[in-house]
Amino acid sequence: MLLSSCTTTRIEYVQTPSVPIPAHLLNDCLPEYIPQKFTWGDSLLLNESLLTVIEQCNLDKKAIREIEAERKNSEVP
């Protein structure tokens, strides 16, 4: 018991590799082809498709922000 009180604890920080951002999150968000002639019904379907593309892009950006926040939280002080 007496000998253990004379020792010191050495703290070593080890660098860990950062988590790479998955490639599918970095892909471009491409809208569907817009034909020159289409009906009002086609326009509604196109709007729905474009909104889906925007929603998926926003989810990808959210995932990237979460990865970056996780990196900041795991950095050594």
N, C-alpha and C. Protein backbone atom coordinates (compact mmCIF):
# COMPACT_ATOMS: atom_id res chain seq x y z
N MET A 1 0.82 -1.19 0.00
CA MET A 1 0.00 0.00 0.00
C MET A 1 0.86 1.26 0.00
N LEU A 2 1.92 1.27 0.74
CA LEU A 2 2.77 2.44 0.80
C LEU A 2 3.52 2.67 -0.51
N LEU A 3 3.92 1.63 -1.17
CA LEU A 3 4.66 1.77 -2.42
C LEU A 3 3.78 2.31 -3.56
N SER A 4 2.55 1.98 -3.52
CA SER A 4 1.66 2.43 -4.60
C SER A 4 1.39 3.93 -4.53
N SER A 5 1.55 4.54 -3.43
CA SER A 5 1.29 5.98 -3.32
C SER A 5 2.40 6.81 -3.95
N CYS A 6 3.55 6.22 -4.24
CA CYS A 6 4.66 6.95 -4.83
C CYS A 6 4.65 6.92 -6.36
N THR A 7 3.81 6.14 -6.93
CA THR A 7 3.80 6.04 -8.39
C THR A 7 2.98 7.17 -8.99
N THR A 8 3.28 7.47 -10.23
CA THR A 8 2.51 8.49 -10.94
C THR A 8 1.83 7.84 -12.14
N THR A 9 0.73 8.37 -12.49
CA THR A 9 -0.02 7.85 -13.63
C THR A 9 0.33 8.70 -14.84
N ARG A 10 0.69 8.04 -15.91
CA ARG A 10 1.05 8.74 -17.14
C ARG A 10 -0.10 8.61 -18.12
N ILE A 11 -0.56 9.73 -18.62
CA ILE A 11 -1.67 9.73 -19.58
C ILE A 11 -1.11 9.95 -20.97
N GLU A 12 -1.44 9.05 -21.87
CA GLU A 12 -1.03 9.18 -23.27
C GLU A 12 -2.27 9.23 -24.14
N TYR A 13 -2.30 10.20 -25.04
CA TYR A 13 -3.39 10.30 -25.99
C TYR A 13 -2.96 9.68 -27.31
N VAL A 14 -3.81 8.88 -27.85
CA VAL A 14 -3.51 8.20 -29.09
C VAL A 14 -4.40 8.76 -30.19
N GLN A 15 -3.80 9.12 -31.30
CA GLN A 15 -4.57 9.63 -32.43
C GLN A 15 -5.33 8.48 -33.08
N THR A 16 -6.58 8.71 -33.33
CA THR A 16 -7.39 7.72 -34.04
C THR A 16 -7.74 8.28 -35.41
N PRO A 17 -7.82 7.42 -36.40
CA PRO A 17 -8.16 7.92 -37.72
C PRO A 17 -9.59 8.45 -37.74
N SER A 18 -9.79 9.52 -38.48
CA SER A 18 -11.14 10.09 -38.56
C SER A 18 -12.02 9.19 -39.43
N VAL A 19 -13.30 9.23 -39.13
CA VAL A 19 -14.26 8.43 -39.88
C VAL A 19 -14.48 9.09 -41.23
N PRO A 20 -14.25 8.37 -42.32
CA PRO A 20 -14.48 8.99 -43.62
C PRO A 20 -15.97 9.16 -43.88
N ILE A 21 -16.30 10.21 -44.61
CA ILE A 21 -17.70 10.43 -44.98
C ILE A 21 -18.03 9.47 -46.10
N PRO A 22 -19.10 8.69 -45.96
CA PRO A 22 -19.46 7.73 -47.01
C PRO A 22 -19.68 8.43 -48.36
N ALA A 23 -19.24 7.77 -49.42
CA ALA A 23 -19.31 8.35 -50.76
C ALA A 23 -20.74 8.66 -51.19
N HIS A 24 -21.70 7.84 -50.76
CA HIS A 24 -23.08 8.08 -51.21
C HIS A 24 -23.65 9.39 -50.64
N LEU A 25 -23.07 9.89 -49.56
CA LEU A 25 -23.53 11.16 -49.01
C LEU A 25 -22.95 12.35 -49.79
N LEU A 26 -21.89 12.11 -50.54
CA LEU A 26 -21.24 13.18 -51.29
C LEU A 26 -21.67 13.24 -52.75
N ASN A 27 -22.50 12.29 -53.17
CA ASN A 27 -22.96 12.28 -54.56
C ASN A 27 -23.83 13.50 -54.84
N ASP A 28 -23.79 13.97 -56.09
CA ASP A 28 -24.63 15.08 -56.49
C ASP A 28 -26.11 14.67 -56.44
N CYS A 29 -26.95 15.63 -56.15
CA CYS A 29 -28.40 15.42 -56.15
C CYS A 29 -28.92 15.87 -57.51
N LEU A 30 -29.17 14.93 -58.36
CA LEU A 30 -29.58 15.25 -59.73
C LEU A 30 -31.09 15.13 -59.90
N PRO A 31 -31.70 16.17 -60.45
CA PRO A 31 -33.15 16.09 -60.71
C PRO A 31 -33.41 15.22 -61.94
N GLU A 32 -34.63 14.80 -62.07
CA GLU A 32 -35.02 14.02 -63.25
C GLU A 32 -34.97 14.88 -64.49
N TYR A 33 -34.92 14.21 -65.63
CA TYR A 33 -34.94 14.90 -66.92
C TYR A 33 -36.30 15.58 -67.08
N ILE A 34 -36.28 16.83 -67.50
CA ILE A 34 -37.53 17.58 -67.71
C ILE A 34 -37.77 17.66 -69.21
N PRO A 35 -38.80 16.98 -69.70
CA PRO A 35 -39.09 17.03 -71.15
C PRO A 35 -39.63 18.40 -71.54
N GLN A 36 -39.51 18.72 -72.83
CA GLN A 36 -40.00 20.02 -73.31
C GLN A 36 -41.52 20.10 -73.26
N LYS A 37 -42.18 19.01 -73.55
CA LYS A 37 -43.64 19.00 -73.53
C LYS A 37 -44.12 17.98 -72.50
N PHE A 38 -44.97 18.45 -71.61
CA PHE A 38 -45.59 17.54 -70.68
C PHE A 38 -46.90 18.14 -70.19
N THR A 39 -47.74 17.27 -69.65
CA THR A 39 -49.08 17.69 -69.22
C THR A 39 -49.03 18.21 -67.79
N TRP A 40 -50.19 18.74 -67.36
CA TRP A 40 -50.29 19.18 -65.96
C TRP A 40 -50.07 18.01 -65.01
N GLY A 41 -50.58 16.85 -65.38
CA GLY A 41 -50.37 15.66 -64.55
C GLY A 41 -48.90 15.30 -64.46
N ASP A 42 -48.21 15.39 -65.61
CA ASP A 42 -46.77 15.14 -65.61
C ASP A 42 -46.04 16.15 -64.72
N SER A 43 -46.54 17.38 -64.73
CA SER A 43 -45.94 18.43 -63.91
C SER A 43 -46.06 18.10 -62.42
N LEU A 44 -47.22 17.58 -62.03
CA LEU A 44 -47.40 17.19 -60.62
C LEU A 44 -46.45 16.07 -60.23
N LEU A 45 -46.30 15.09 -61.12
CA LEU A 45 -45.40 13.97 -60.84
C LEU A 45 -43.94 14.47 -60.77
N LEU A 46 -43.61 15.39 -61.66
CA LEU A 46 -42.27 15.95 -61.64
C LEU A 46 -42.01 16.71 -60.35
N ASN A 47 -42.98 17.50 -59.91
CA ASN A 47 -42.83 18.23 -58.64
C ASN A 47 -42.62 17.28 -57.48
N GLU A 48 -43.37 16.20 -57.46
CA GLU A 48 -43.21 15.21 -56.39
C GLU A 48 -41.80 14.61 -56.44
N SER A 49 -41.33 14.31 -57.63
CA SER A 49 -39.99 13.74 -57.79
C SER A 49 -38.92 14.73 -57.34
N LEU A 50 -39.08 15.99 -57.72
CA LEU A 50 -38.10 17.01 -57.34
C LEU A 50 -38.08 17.22 -55.83
N LEU A 51 -39.25 17.20 -55.20
CA LEU A 51 -39.30 17.33 -53.74
C LEU A 51 -38.63 16.15 -53.06
N THR A 52 -38.76 14.97 -53.64
CA THR A 52 -38.10 13.78 -53.09
C THR A 52 -36.59 13.92 -53.18
N VAL A 53 -36.10 14.45 -54.31
CA VAL A 53 -34.66 14.66 -54.48
C VAL A 53 -34.15 15.66 -53.44
N ILE A 54 -34.89 16.75 -53.23
CA ILE A 54 -34.49 17.75 -52.24
C ILE A 54 -34.48 17.15 -50.84
N GLU A 55 -35.49 16.36 -50.53
CA GLU A 55 -35.56 15.73 -49.21
C GLU A 55 -34.36 14.81 -48.99
N GLN A 56 -34.01 14.02 -50.01
CA GLN A 56 -32.86 13.11 -49.88
C GLN A 56 -31.57 13.89 -49.72
N CYS A 57 -31.42 14.99 -50.44
CA CYS A 57 -30.22 15.83 -50.29
C CYS A 57 -30.12 16.39 -48.88
N ASN A 58 -31.25 16.82 -48.33
CA ASN A 58 -31.25 17.35 -46.97
C ASN A 58 -30.89 16.26 -45.96
N LEU A 59 -31.35 15.04 -46.18
CA LEU A 59 -30.98 13.93 -45.29
C LEU A 59 -29.48 13.64 -45.37
N ASP A 60 -28.93 13.71 -46.59
CA ASP A 60 -27.49 13.50 -46.76
C ASP A 60 -26.70 14.57 -46.02
N LYS A 61 -27.12 15.82 -46.13
CA LYS A 61 -26.42 16.91 -45.46
C LYS A 61 -26.53 16.77 -43.94
N LYS A 62 -27.67 16.31 -43.47
CA LYS A 62 -27.85 16.09 -42.03
C LYS A 62 -26.89 15.00 -41.55
N ALA A 63 -26.76 13.94 -42.34
CA ALA A 63 -25.85 12.85 -41.96
C ALA A 63 -24.40 13.34 -41.93
N ILE A 64 -24.03 14.20 -42.87
CA ILE A 64 -22.67 14.75 -42.89
C ILE A 64 -22.45 15.63 -41.66
N ARG A 65 -23.45 16.45 -41.30
CA ARG A 65 -23.32 17.29 -40.10
C ARG A 65 -23.16 16.43 -38.85
N GLU A 66 -23.88 15.31 -38.77
CA GLU A 66 -23.77 14.42 -37.61
C GLU A 66 -22.38 13.80 -37.55
N ILE A 67 -21.82 13.42 -38.69
CA ILE A 67 -20.48 12.84 -38.72
C ILE A 67 -19.46 13.89 -38.26
N GLU A 68 -19.60 15.11 -38.75
CA GLU A 68 -18.68 16.19 -38.35
C GLU A 68 -18.81 16.51 -36.87
N ALA A 69 -20.03 16.51 -36.34
CA ALA A 69 -20.22 16.77 -34.91
C ALA A 69 -19.58 15.67 -34.08
N GLU A 70 -19.70 14.43 -34.55
CA GLU A 70 -19.09 13.29 -33.84
C GLU A 70 -17.56 13.43 -33.85
N ARG A 71 -17.02 13.92 -34.96
CA ARG A 71 -15.56 14.13 -35.02
C ARG A 71 -15.12 15.18 -34.02
N LYS A 72 -15.88 16.28 -33.93
CA LYS A 72 -15.52 17.35 -33.00
C LYS A 72 -15.59 16.88 -31.55
N ASN A 73 -16.59 16.05 -31.25
CA ASN A 73 -16.77 15.56 -29.88
C ASN A 73 -15.69 14.56 -29.48
N SER A 74 -15.11 13.90 -30.46
CA SER A 74 -14.11 12.87 -30.13
C SER A 74 -12.68 13.41 -30.21
N GLU A 75 -12.50 14.70 -30.51
CA GLU A 75 -11.15 15.27 -30.57
C GLU A 75 -10.54 15.33 -29.18
N VAL A 76 -9.23 15.23 -29.15
CA VAL A 76 -8.48 15.29 -27.88
C VAL A 76 -8.41 16.75 -27.44
N PRO A 77 -8.70 17.02 -26.16
CA PRO A 77 -8.65 18.39 -25.68
C PRO A 77 -7.27 18.99 -25.69
